[in-house]
Amino acid sequence: MIAPVLVAVKINSQMRCKQRADSKQRKKLKNEGSIGMLYKTKTLKGYTLNSIDGEIGKVKEFYFDDRHWVIRYLVADTGNWLTDRQVLISPHVLGQVIEEDRQITVELTKKQIEESPSLDSDKPVSRQYEETYYGFYGWPMYWSGPFIWGAYPYLERDSAKWKEAIPKNKVWDTNLRSTHDVSGHRIQAVDGEIGHVDGFILDDETWAICYLVVDTQNWWPGRKVLISPQWIERVSWEESKVFINLPRETIKRAPEYQDGALLTRDYEVGLYRHYNRKGYWIDESVAKEHSR
């Protein structure tokens, strides 16, 4: 991995996060596959991972890339099964998140996982390893195109379409960050610090990070707010600091976020209106056409 530097965040917003629904519609639409659900990464930590032929471990943490802010790998804690190696699971094979049973299904067999390229637990995820890993499973490489999933603006699960992937001459450098390590990074507004990263909220359909949870207790005790990665000006990984081009007062007056609260479209509309930002759902009809 490249040494930490100041990075400007550039987001391709198309199909980052899917449509929200109110509480009455949410479960029904999720079962129909019409929407993605939002989950805090802290909530998913410890969920059981069930492969096609049995349990493989539990969710440990996530790796995301600092270009699109999309989850690229779930890191599994396999206990005594596969020791001394990191077991990475791509969203390509992550199935249902079953809240009632605290489970996530994985569309792989234990043998496939065991025979996949090994990565020592004390080594970073290099481009060389990723190429070997993706080649082993035959998935389209997410860094080989202009969209958040390489050749696609969405997570393409139809293997018959993978041959359409854009050639490798359009690759971009990947820098993977751990959600565990980035939690605690300070938030820098235009007129001073206002809090720190308390967690991440992801969409389990696109596996994009839709929001950073910001704990403002350093400046405004007992209150949390949400910030979209699209609103980040830059990140200094060396300083462990996230820069946002907004004044502290604006962030302070943002709609409050409460852990465990259902994020509805009404809440998001109010959030985007407060920050005077265009809602990502404005272009949903266009994005849906691509996914058909």
C-alpha atoms as a PDB file:
ATOM      1  CA  MET A   1       0.000   0.000   0.000  1.00  0.00           C
ATOM      2  CA  ILE A   2       1.098   3.557  -0.685  1.00  0.00           C
ATOM      3  CA  ALA A   3       2.197   5.586   2.337  1.00  0.00           C
ATOM      4  CA  PRO A   4      -0.539   7.825   3.804  1.00  0.00           C
ATOM      5  CA  VAL A   5      -0.892  11.168   2.037  1.00  0.00           C
ATOM      6  CA  LEU A   6      -3.394  13.982   1.753  1.00  0.00           C
ATOM      7  CA  VAL A   7      -6.119  12.629  -0.480  1.00  0.00           C
ATOM      8  CA  ALA A   8      -8.860  14.553  -2.263  1.00  0.00           C
ATOM      9  CA  VAL A   9     -12.076  12.570  -2.206  1.00  0.00           C
ATOM     10  CA  LYS A  10     -13.767  12.212  -5.597  1.00  0.00           C
ATOM     11  CA  ILE A  11     -17.041  10.314  -5.535  1.00  0.00           C
ATOM     12  CA  ASN A  12     -18.988   8.819  -8.426  1.00  0.00           C
ATOM     13  CA  SER A  13     -22.406   8.946  -6.816  1.00  0.00           C
ATOM     14  CA  GLN A  14     -24.344   6.839  -9.276  1.00  0.00           C
ATOM     15  CA  MET A  15     -25.865   3.799  -7.527  1.00  0.00           C
ATOM     16  CA  ARG A  16     -23.919   4.444  -4.338  1.00  0.00           C
ATOM     17  CA  CYS A  17     -26.936   4.017  -2.095  1.00  0.00           C
ATOM     18  CA  LYS A  18     -30.340   2.630  -2.996  1.00  0.00           C
ATOM     19  CA  GLN A  19     -33.773   3.987  -2.309  1.00  0.00           C
ATOM     20  CA  ARG A  20     -35.021   4.304   1.269  1.00  0.00           C
ATOM     21  CA  ALA A  21     -38.530   3.555   2.417  1.00  0.00           C
ATOM     22  CA  ASP A  22     -40.644   4.330   5.437  1.00  0.00           C
ATOM     23  CA  SER A  23     -40.832   1.817   8.274  1.00  0.00           C
ATOM     24  CA  LYS A  24     -44.029   0.172   6.991  1.00  0.00           C
ATOM     25  CA  GLN A  25     -42.644  -0.450   3.521  1.00  0.00           C
ATOM     26  CA  ARG A  26     -39.059  -1.245   4.451  1.00  0.00           C
ATOM     27  CA  LYS A  27     -39.184  -4.934   5.334  1.00  0.00           C
ATOM     28  CA  LYS A  28     -41.586  -5.755   2.478  1.00  0.00           C
ATOM     29  CA  LEU A  29     -39.443  -4.007  -0.130  1.00  0.00           C
ATOM     30  CA  LYS A  30     -36.235  -5.525   1.224  1.00  0.00           C
ATOM     31  CA  ASN A  31     -37.702  -9.000   0.869  1.00  0.00           C
ATOM     32  CA  GLU A  32     -38.612  -8.140  -2.711  1.00  0.00           C
ATOM     33  CA  GLY A  33     -35.077  -6.862  -3.372  1.00  0.00           C
ATOM     34  CA  SER A  34     -36.346  -3.371  -4.188  1.00  0.00           C
ATOM     35  CA  ILE A  35     -34.200  -1.478  -1.683  1.00  0.00           C
ATOM     36  CA  GLY A  36     -30.984  -1.789   0.205  1.00  0.00           C
ATOM     37  CA  MET A  37     -30.899  -1.647   3.982  1.00  0.00           C
ATOM     38  CA  LEU A  38     -28.612   0.652   5.933  1.00  0.00           C
ATOM     39  CA  TYR A  39     -26.445  -0.831   8.672  1.00  0.00           C
ATOM     40  CA  LYS A  40     -23.785   0.536  10.972  1.00  0.00           C
ATOM     41  CA  THR A  41     -20.566  -1.390  10.576  1.00  0.00           C
ATOM     42  CA  LYS A  42     -20.417  -1.621  14.379  1.00  0.00           C
ATOM     43  CA  THR A  43     -23.781  -3.373  14.338  1.00  0.00           C
ATOM     44  CA  LEU A  44     -22.600  -5.958  11.799  1.00  0.00           C
ATOM     45  CA  LYS A  45     -19.434  -6.706  13.737  1.00  0.00           C
ATOM     46  CA  GLY A  46     -19.831 -10.131  15.298  1.00  0.00           C
ATOM     47  CA  TYR A  47     -22.519 -11.310  12.861  1.00  0.00           C
ATOM     48  CA  THR A  48     -22.133 -14.981  11.925  1.00  0.00           C
ATOM     49  CA  LEU A  49     -20.956 -15.703   8.371  1.00  0.00           C
ATOM     50  CA  ASN A  50     -22.714 -18.705   6.838  1.00  0.00           C
ATOM     51  CA  SER A  51     -21.231 -20.204   3.681  1.00  0.00           C
ATOM     52  CA  ILE A  52     -23.072 -22.597   1.370  1.00  0.00           C
ATOM     53  CA  ASP A  53     -22.021 -25.551   3.529  1.00  0.00           C
ATOM     54  CA  GLY A  54     -21.732 -24.126   7.014  1.00  0.00           C
ATOM     55  CA  GLU A  55     -20.461 -21.393   9.311  1.00  0.00           C
ATOM     56  CA  ILE A  56     -17.044 -19.926   8.522  1.00  0.00           C
ATOM     57  CA  GLY A  57     -16.671 -17.378  11.299  1.00  0.00           C
ATOM     58  CA  LYS A  58     -17.839 -13.914  12.285  1.00  0.00           C
ATOM     59  CA  VAL A  59     -17.559 -10.392  10.921  1.00  0.00           C
ATOM     60  CA  LYS A  60     -14.416  -8.707  12.222  1.00  0.00           C
ATOM     61  CA  GLU A  61     -14.184  -5.460  10.240  1.00  0.00           C
ATOM     62  CA  PHE A  62     -14.323  -3.999   6.728  1.00  0.00           C
ATOM     63  CA  TYR A  63     -11.874  -2.616   4.178  1.00  0.00           C
ATOM     64  CA  PHE A  64     -13.007   0.268   1.978  1.00  0.00           C
ATOM     65  CA  ASP A  65     -11.189   2.211  -0.726  1.00  0.00           C
ATOM     66  CA  ASP A  66     -10.492   5.885  -0.203  1.00  0.00           C
ATOM     67  CA  ARG A  67     -11.475   6.881  -3.742  1.00  0.00           C
ATOM     68  CA  HIS A  68     -15.135   5.851  -3.855  1.00  0.00           C
ATOM     69  CA  TRP A  69     -15.737   4.962  -0.193  1.00  0.00           C
ATOM     70  CA  VAL A  70     -17.133   1.551  -1.045  1.00  0.00           C
ATOM     71  CA  ILE A  71     -16.646  -1.630   0.972  1.00  0.00           C
ATOM     72  CA  ARG A  72     -14.282  -3.896  -0.955  1.00  0.00           C
ATOM     73  CA  TYR A  73     -13.834  -6.672   1.605  1.00  0.00           C
ATOM     74  CA  LEU A  74     -15.394  -7.998   4.735  1.00  0.00           C
ATOM     75  CA  VAL A  75     -12.732  -9.409   7.066  1.00  0.00           C
ATOM     76  CA  ALA A  76     -13.769 -12.656   8.723  1.00  0.00           C
ATOM     77  CA  ASP A  77     -12.675 -13.846  12.146  1.00  0.00           C
ATOM     78  CA  THR A  78     -12.483 -17.594  11.504  1.00  0.00           C
ATOM     79  CA  GLY A  79     -11.495 -18.580  15.031  1.00  0.00           C
ATOM     80  CA  ASN A  80      -9.463 -21.796  14.976  1.00  0.00           C
ATOM     81  CA  TRP A  81     -10.349 -22.723  11.405  1.00  0.00           C
ATOM     82  CA  LEU A  82      -7.956 -20.702   9.197  1.00  0.00           C
ATOM     83  CA  THR A  83      -5.388 -19.272  11.582  1.00  0.00           C
ATOM     84  CA  ASP A  84      -2.543 -16.863  10.797  1.00  0.00           C
ATOM     85  CA  ARG A  85      -4.211 -15.485   7.666  1.00  0.00           C
ATOM     86  CA  GLN A  86      -6.718 -12.827   6.796  1.00  0.00           C
ATOM     87  CA  VAL A  87      -9.883 -14.206   5.264  1.00  0.00           C
ATOM     88  CA  LEU A  88     -11.387 -11.608   2.941  1.00  0.00           C
ATOM     89  CA  ILE A  89     -14.897 -11.845   1.522  1.00  0.00           C
ATOM     90  CA  SER A  90     -15.876  -9.647  -1.427  1.00  0.00           C
ATOM     91  CA  PRO A  91     -19.371  -8.125  -1.696  1.00  0.00           C
ATOM     92  CA  HIS A  92     -19.659 -10.122  -4.940  1.00  0.00           C
ATOM     93  CA  VAL A  93     -20.605 -13.131  -2.805  1.00  0.00           C
ATOM     94  CA  LEU A  94     -22.235 -11.493   0.197  1.00  0.00           C
ATOM     95  CA  GLY A  95     -25.906 -12.393   0.309  1.00  0.00           C
ATOM     96  CA  GLN A  96     -28.628 -11.571   2.794  1.00  0.00           C
ATOM     97  CA  VAL A  97     -28.080  -9.754   6.041  1.00  0.00           C
ATOM     98  CA  ILE A  98     -30.462 -11.505   8.440  1.00  0.00           C
ATOM     99  CA  GLU A  99     -30.961  -9.198  11.402  1.00  0.00           C
ATOM    100  CA  GLU A 100     -33.144 -11.598  13.385  1.00  0.00           C
ATOM    101  CA  ASP A 101     -30.400 -14.231  13.490  1.00  0.00           C
ATOM    102  CA  ARG A 102     -27.417 -11.852  13.302  1.00  0.00           C
ATOM    103  CA  GLN A 103     -26.176 -13.614  10.181  1.00  0.00           C
ATOM    104  CA  ILE A 104     -24.793 -12.794   6.743  1.00  0.00           C
ATOM    105  CA  THR A 105     -24.913 -15.401   3.998  1.00  0.00           C
ATOM    106  CA  VAL A 106     -21.838 -16.005   1.830  1.00  0.00           C
ATOM    107  CA  GLU A 107     -22.241 -17.593  -1.609  1.00  0.00           C
ATOM    108  CA  LEU A 108     -19.042 -19.643  -1.364  1.00  0.00           C
ATOM    109  CA  THR A 109     -18.178 -23.080  -0.064  1.00  0.00           C
ATOM    110  CA  LYS A 110     -15.708 -23.667   2.743  1.00  0.00           C
ATOM    111  CA  LYS A 111     -13.402 -25.383   0.257  1.00  0.00           C
ATOM    112  CA  GLN A 112     -13.392 -22.337  -2.033  1.00  0.00           C
ATOM    113  CA  ILE A 113     -12.477 -20.081   0.880  1.00  0.00           C
ATOM    114  CA  GLU A 114      -9.812 -22.463   2.147  1.00  0.00           C
ATOM    115  CA  GLU A 115      -8.198 -22.769  -1.299  1.00  0.00           C
ATOM    116  CA  SER A 116      -8.348 -19.028  -2.041  1.00  0.00           C
ATOM    117  CA  PRO A 117      -5.072 -17.041  -2.110  1.00  0.00           C
ATOM    118  CA  SER A 118      -3.632 -16.748   1.384  1.00  0.00           C
ATOM    119  CA  LEU A 119      -2.843 -13.365   2.927  1.00  0.00           C
ATOM    120  CA  ASP A 120      -0.792 -13.213   6.114  1.00  0.00           C
ATOM    121  CA  SER A 121      -2.643 -11.548   8.966  1.00  0.00           C
ATOM    122  CA  ASP A 122       0.150  -8.999   9.454  1.00  0.00           C
ATOM    123  CA  LYS A 123       0.396  -7.908   5.806  1.00  0.00           C
ATOM    124  CA  PRO A 124      -1.526  -5.162   3.959  1.00  0.00           C
ATOM    125  CA  VAL A 125      -3.779  -5.953   1.003  1.00  0.00           C
ATOM    126  CA  SER A 126      -1.561  -5.208  -2.009  1.00  0.00           C
ATOM    127  CA  ARG A 127      -2.590  -4.777  -5.651  1.00  0.00           C
ATOM    128  CA  GLN A 128      -0.652  -7.948  -6.477  1.00  0.00           C
ATOM    129  CA  TYR A 129      -2.672  -9.900  -3.925  1.00  0.00           C
ATOM    130  CA  GLU A 130      -5.967  -8.432  -5.159  1.00  0.00           C
ATOM    131  CA  GLU A 131      -5.200  -9.413  -8.754  1.00  0.00           C
ATOM    132  CA  THR A 132      -4.470 -12.968  -7.631  1.00  0.00           C
ATOM    133  CA  TYR A 133      -7.566 -13.038  -5.420  1.00  0.00           C
ATOM    134  CA  TYR A 134      -9.933 -11.708  -8.099  1.00  0.00           C
ATOM    135  CA  GLY A 135      -8.350 -13.987 -10.700  1.00  0.00           C
ATOM    136  CA  PHE A 136      -8.947 -17.015  -8.463  1.00  0.00           C
ATOM    137  CA  TYR A 137     -12.685 -16.303  -8.250  1.00  0.00           C
ATOM    138  CA  GLY A 138     -13.035 -14.847 -11.754  1.00  0.00           C
ATOM    139  CA  TRP A 139     -14.666 -11.600 -10.637  1.00  0.00           C
ATOM    140  CA  PRO A 140     -14.371  -8.329 -12.614  1.00  0.00           C
ATOM    141  CA  MET A 141     -11.764  -6.090 -10.997  1.00  0.00           C
ATOM    142  CA  TYR A 142     -13.300  -3.009  -9.383  1.00  0.00           C
ATOM    143  CA  TRP A 143     -10.267  -0.831 -10.165  1.00  0.00           C
ATOM    144  CA  SER A 144     -10.393  -1.478 -13.936  1.00  0.00           C
ATOM    145  CA  GLY A 145     -12.907   1.148 -14.975  1.00  0.00           C
ATOM    146  CA  PRO A 146     -14.423   4.580 -14.294  1.00  0.00           C
ATOM    147  CA  PHE A 147     -17.281   3.492 -12.025  1.00  0.00           C
ATOM    148  CA  ILE A 148     -17.418   2.457  -8.383  1.00  0.00           C
ATOM    149  CA  TRP A 149     -17.381  -1.209  -9.455  1.00  0.00           C
ATOM    150  CA  GLY A 150     -14.933  -0.842 -12.322  1.00  0.00           C
ATOM    151  CA  ALA A 151     -16.850  -1.383 -15.543  1.00  0.00           C
ATOM    152  CA  TYR A 152     -20.154  -0.973 -13.732  1.00  0.00           C
ATOM    153  CA  PRO A 153     -21.832   1.794 -11.707  1.00  0.00           C
ATOM    154  CA  TYR A 154     -23.385  -0.934  -9.548  1.00  0.00           C
ATOM    155  CA  LEU A 155     -22.388  -4.327  -8.142  1.00  0.00           C
ATOM    156  CA  GLU A 156     -22.882  -6.663 -11.111  1.00  0.00           C
ATOM    157  CA  ARG A 157     -23.706 -10.178  -9.910  1.00  0.00           C
ATOM    158  CA  ASP A 158     -24.439 -11.680 -13.331  1.00  0.00           C
ATOM    159  CA  SER A 159     -21.263 -13.519 -14.350  1.00  0.00           C
ATOM    160  CA  ALA A 160     -22.429 -13.603 -17.969  1.00  0.00           C
ATOM    161  CA  LYS A 161     -21.867  -9.834 -18.139  1.00  0.00           C
ATOM    162  CA  TRP A 162     -18.385  -9.835 -16.616  1.00  0.00           C
ATOM    163  CA  LYS A 163     -16.771 -10.272 -20.028  1.00  0.00           C
ATOM    164  CA  GLU A 164     -17.872  -6.714 -20.786  1.00  0.00           C
ATOM    165  CA  ALA A 165     -15.373  -5.378 -18.232  1.00  0.00           C
ATOM    166  CA  ILE A 166     -13.297  -2.393 -19.325  1.00  0.00           C
ATOM    167  CA  PRO A 167      -9.662  -3.195 -20.279  1.00  0.00           C
ATOM    168  CA  LYS A 168      -6.940  -2.831 -17.670  1.00  0.00           C
ATOM    169  CA  ASN A 169      -5.489   0.307 -19.256  1.00  0.00           C
ATOM    170  CA  LYS A 170      -8.142   2.272 -17.359  1.00  0.00           C
ATOM    171  CA  VAL A 171      -7.045   1.170 -13.910  1.00  0.00           C
ATOM    172  CA  TRP A 172      -6.707   3.396 -10.841  1.00  0.00           C
ATOM    173  CA  ASP A 173      -4.622   2.934  -7.711  1.00  0.00           C
ATOM    174  CA  THR A 174      -6.385   1.352  -4.773  1.00  0.00           C
ATOM    175  CA  ASN A 175      -5.702   2.352  -1.185  1.00  0.00           C
ATOM    176  CA  LEU A 176      -7.689   0.271   1.258  1.00  0.00           C
ATOM    177  CA  ARG A 177      -8.575   1.568   4.718  1.00  0.00           C
ATOM    178  CA  SER A 178      -9.914  -0.332   7.692  1.00  0.00           C
ATOM    179  CA  THR A 179     -13.165   0.872   9.240  1.00  0.00           C
ATOM    180  CA  HIS A 180     -11.648  -0.023  12.608  1.00  0.00           C
ATOM    181  CA  ASP A 181      -8.563   2.129  12.031  1.00  0.00           C
ATOM    182  CA  VAL A 182     -10.441   5.149  10.632  1.00  0.00           C
ATOM    183  CA  SER A 183     -12.909   5.203  13.521  1.00  0.00           C
ATOM    184  CA  GLY A 184     -11.673   7.945  15.844  1.00  0.00           C
ATOM    185  CA  HIS A 185     -10.317  10.185  13.071  1.00  0.00           C
ATOM    186  CA  ARG A 186     -11.017  13.824  13.936  1.00  0.00           C
ATOM    187  CA  ILE A 187     -13.479  15.932  11.963  1.00  0.00           C
ATOM    188  CA  GLN A 188     -12.131  19.326  10.887  1.00  0.00           C
ATOM    189  CA  ALA A 189     -14.695  21.951   9.846  1.00  0.00           C
ATOM    190  CA  VAL A 190     -13.624  25.219   8.183  1.00  0.00           C
ATOM    191  CA  ASP A 191     -13.470  26.952  11.565  1.00  0.00           C
ATOM    192  CA  GLY A 192     -12.097  24.216  13.806  1.00  0.00           C
ATOM    193  CA  GLU A 193     -12.600  20.671  15.017  1.00  0.00           C
ATOM    194  CA  ILE A 194     -16.073  19.464  15.845  1.00  0.00           C
ATOM    195  CA  GLY A 195     -15.791  15.790  16.741  1.00  0.00           C
ATOM    196  CA  HIS A 196     -14.558  12.436  15.497  1.00  0.00           C
ATOM    197  CA  VAL A 197     -15.626   9.535  13.306  1.00  0.00           C
ATOM    198  CA  ASP A 198     -17.729   7.226  15.463  1.00  0.00           C
ATOM    199  CA  GLY A 199     -18.704   4.745  12.766  1.00  0.00           C
ATOM    200  CA  PHE A 200     -19.908   4.101   9.248  1.00  0.00           C
ATOM    201  CA  ILE A 201     -23.296   3.370   7.733  1.00  0.00           C
ATOM    202  CA  LEU A 202     -23.335   1.163   4.651  1.00  0.00           C
ATOM    203  CA  ASP A 203     -25.922   0.008   2.144  1.00  0.00           C
ATOM    204  CA  ASP A 204     -26.056  -3.793   2.011  1.00  0.00           C
ATOM    205  CA  GLU A 205     -27.124  -3.788  -1.651  1.00  0.00           C
ATOM    206  CA  THR A 206     -24.419  -1.561  -3.141  1.00  0.00           C
ATOM    207  CA  TRP A 207     -21.954  -1.917  -0.207  1.00  0.00           C
ATOM    208  CA  ALA A 208     -21.248   1.797  -0.448  1.00  0.00           C
ATOM    209  CA  ILE A 209     -20.553   3.809   2.682  1.00  0.00           C
ATOM    210  CA  CYS A 210     -23.487   6.211   2.660  1.00  0.00           C
ATOM    211  CA  TYR A 211     -22.624   8.120   5.823  1.00  0.00           C
ATOM    212  CA  LEU A 212     -19.968   8.697   8.432  1.00  0.00           C
ATOM    213  CA  VAL A 213     -21.359   8.906  11.949  1.00  0.00           C
ATOM    214  CA  VAL A 214     -19.802  11.934  13.642  1.00  0.00           C
ATOM    215  CA  ASP A 215     -19.714  12.126  17.424  1.00  0.00           C
ATOM    216  CA  THR A 216     -19.563  15.808  18.383  1.00  0.00           C
ATOM    217  CA  GLN A 217     -18.979  15.229  22.104  1.00  0.00           C
ATOM    218  CA  ASN A 218     -15.620  17.007  21.829  1.00  0.00           C
ATOM    219  CA  TRP A 219     -17.496  20.238  21.117  1.00  0.00           C
ATOM    220  CA  TRP A 220     -21.236  19.627  21.525  1.00  0.00           C
ATOM    221  CA  PRO A 221     -21.681  16.895  24.174  1.00  0.00           C
ATOM    222  CA  GLY A 222     -23.944  13.918  23.607  1.00  0.00           C
ATOM    223  CA  ARG A 223     -24.915  14.535  19.988  1.00  0.00           C
ATOM    224  CA  LYS A 224     -24.248  12.617  16.772  1.00  0.00           C
ATOM    225  CA  VAL A 225     -24.785  13.721  13.192  1.00  0.00           C
ATOM    226  CA  LEU A 226     -24.270  12.194   9.744  1.00  0.00           C
ATOM    227  CA  ILE A 227     -21.905  13.299   6.997  1.00  0.00           C
ATOM    228  CA  SER A 228     -21.871  11.858   3.485  1.00  0.00           C
ATOM    229  CA  PRO A 229     -18.431  10.971   2.040  1.00  0.00           C
ATOM    230  CA  GLN A 230     -19.451  13.117  -0.931  1.00  0.00           C
ATOM    231  CA  TRP A 231     -19.217  16.185   1.289  1.00  0.00           C
ATOM    232  CA  ILE A 232     -15.645  15.517   2.377  1.00  0.00           C
ATOM    233  CA  GLU A 233     -13.122  17.980   0.994  1.00  0.00           C
ATOM    234  CA  ARG A 234     -10.046  15.856   1.725  1.00  0.00           C
ATOM    235  CA  VAL A 235      -8.605  13.409   4.207  1.00  0.00           C
ATOM    236  CA  SER A 236      -5.204  13.528   5.862  1.00  0.00           C
ATOM    237  CA  TRP A 237      -4.406   9.951   6.730  1.00  0.00           C
ATOM    238  CA  GLU A 238      -1.134  11.095   8.313  1.00  0.00           C
ATOM    239  CA  GLU A 239      -2.954  13.423  10.716  1.00  0.00           C
ATOM    240  CA  SER A 240      -5.936  11.083  11.166  1.00  0.00           C
ATOM    241  CA  LYS A 241      -8.186  13.973  10.186  1.00  0.00           C
ATOM    242  CA  VAL A 242     -11.197  14.383   7.886  1.00  0.00           C
ATOM    243  CA  PHE A 243     -11.692  17.873   6.411  1.00  0.00           C
ATOM    244  CA  ILE A 244     -15.207  19.121   5.638  1.00  0.00           C
ATOM    245  CA  ASN A 245     -15.871  22.433   3.884  1.00  0.00           C
ATOM    246  CA  LEU A 246     -18.641  23.416   6.284  1.00  0.00           C
ATOM    247  CA  PRO A 247     -18.696  25.631   9.383  1.00  0.00           C
ATOM    248  CA  ARG A 248     -19.143  24.015  12.786  1.00  0.00           C
ATOM    249  CA  GLU A 249     -22.441  25.797  13.336  1.00  0.00           C
ATOM    250  CA  THR A 250     -23.943  24.181  10.231  1.00  0.00           C
ATOM    251  CA  ILE A 251     -22.852  20.722  11.377  1.00  0.00           C
ATOM    252  CA  LYS A 252     -24.110  21.467  14.886  1.00  0.00           C
ATOM    253  CA  ARG A 253     -27.610  22.298  13.582  1.00  0.00           C
ATOM    254  CA  ALA A 254     -27.826  19.185  11.363  1.00  0.00           C
ATOM    255  CA  PRO A 255     -30.618  16.684  12.083  1.00  0.00           C
ATOM    256  CA  GLU A 256     -29.539  14.564  15.026  1.00  0.00           C
ATOM    257  CA  TYR A 257     -28.702  10.905  14.469  1.00  0.00           C
ATOM    258  CA  GLN A 258     -29.515   8.367  17.154  1.00  0.00           C
ATOM    259  CA  ASP A 259     -27.904   4.930  17.213  1.00  0.00           C
ATOM    260  CA  GLY A 260     -30.337   2.299  16.067  1.00  0.00           C
ATOM    261  CA  ALA A 261     -32.774   4.778  14.542  1.00  0.00           C
ATOM    262  CA  LEU A 262     -34.365   3.910  11.199  1.00  0.00           C
ATOM    263  CA  LEU A 263     -33.064   6.134   8.422  1.00  0.00           C
ATOM    264  CA  THR A 264     -36.079   7.002   6.306  1.00  0.00           C
ATOM    265  CA  ARG A 265     -36.259   8.974   3.086  1.00  0.00           C
ATOM    266  CA  ASP A 266     -37.881  11.835   5.017  1.00  0.00           C
ATOM    267  CA  TYR A 267     -34.845  11.974   7.331  1.00  0.00           C
ATOM    268  CA  GLU A 268     -32.452  11.953   4.370  1.00  0.00           C
ATOM    269  CA  VAL A 269     -34.393  14.661   2.546  1.00  0.00           C
ATOM    270  CA  GLY A 270     -34.141  16.844   5.631  1.00  0.00           C
ATOM    271  CA  LEU A 271     -30.436  16.061   6.009  1.00  0.00           C
ATOM    272  CA  TYR A 272     -29.577  16.936   2.411  1.00  0.00           C
ATOM    273  CA  ARG A 273     -31.760  20.036   2.523  1.00  0.00           C
ATOM    274  CA  HIS A 274     -29.980  21.210   5.668  1.00  0.00           C
ATOM    275  CA  TYR A 275     -26.584  20.893   3.992  1.00  0.00           C
ATOM    276  CA  ASN A 276     -27.984  22.369   0.754  1.00  0.00           C
ATOM    277  CA  ARG A 277     -26.906  19.305  -1.211  1.00  0.00           C
ATOM    278  CA  LYS A 278     -28.597  17.462  -4.053  1.00  0.00           C
ATOM    279  CA  GLY A 279     -30.021  14.126  -2.914  1.00  0.00           C
ATOM    280  CA  TYR A 280     -28.394  11.063  -4.465  1.00  0.00           C
ATOM    281  CA  TRP A 281     -31.887   9.664  -5.195  1.00  0.00           C
ATOM    282  CA  ILE A 282     -32.503  12.408  -7.791  1.00  0.00           C
ATOM    283  CA  ASP A 283     -30.692  10.309 -10.391  1.00  0.00           C
ATOM    284  CA  GLU A 284     -32.015   6.942  -9.213  1.00  0.00           C
ATOM    285  CA  SER A 285     -34.260   6.468 -12.230  1.00  0.00           C
ATOM    286  CA  VAL A 286     -31.226   6.739 -14.526  1.00  0.00           C
ATOM    287  CA  ALA A 287     -29.166   4.349 -12.393  1.00  0.00           C
ATOM    288  CA  LYS A 288     -31.973   1.794 -12.324  1.00  0.00           C
ATOM    289  CA  GLU A 289     -31.987   1.708 -16.102  1.00  0.00           C
ATOM    290  CA  HIS A 290     -28.337   0.597 -16.021  1.00  0.00           C
ATOM    291  CA  SER A 291     -29.107  -2.210 -13.581  1.00  0.00           C
ATOM    292  CA  ARG A 292     -31.803  -3.847 -15.720  1.00  0.00           C
END
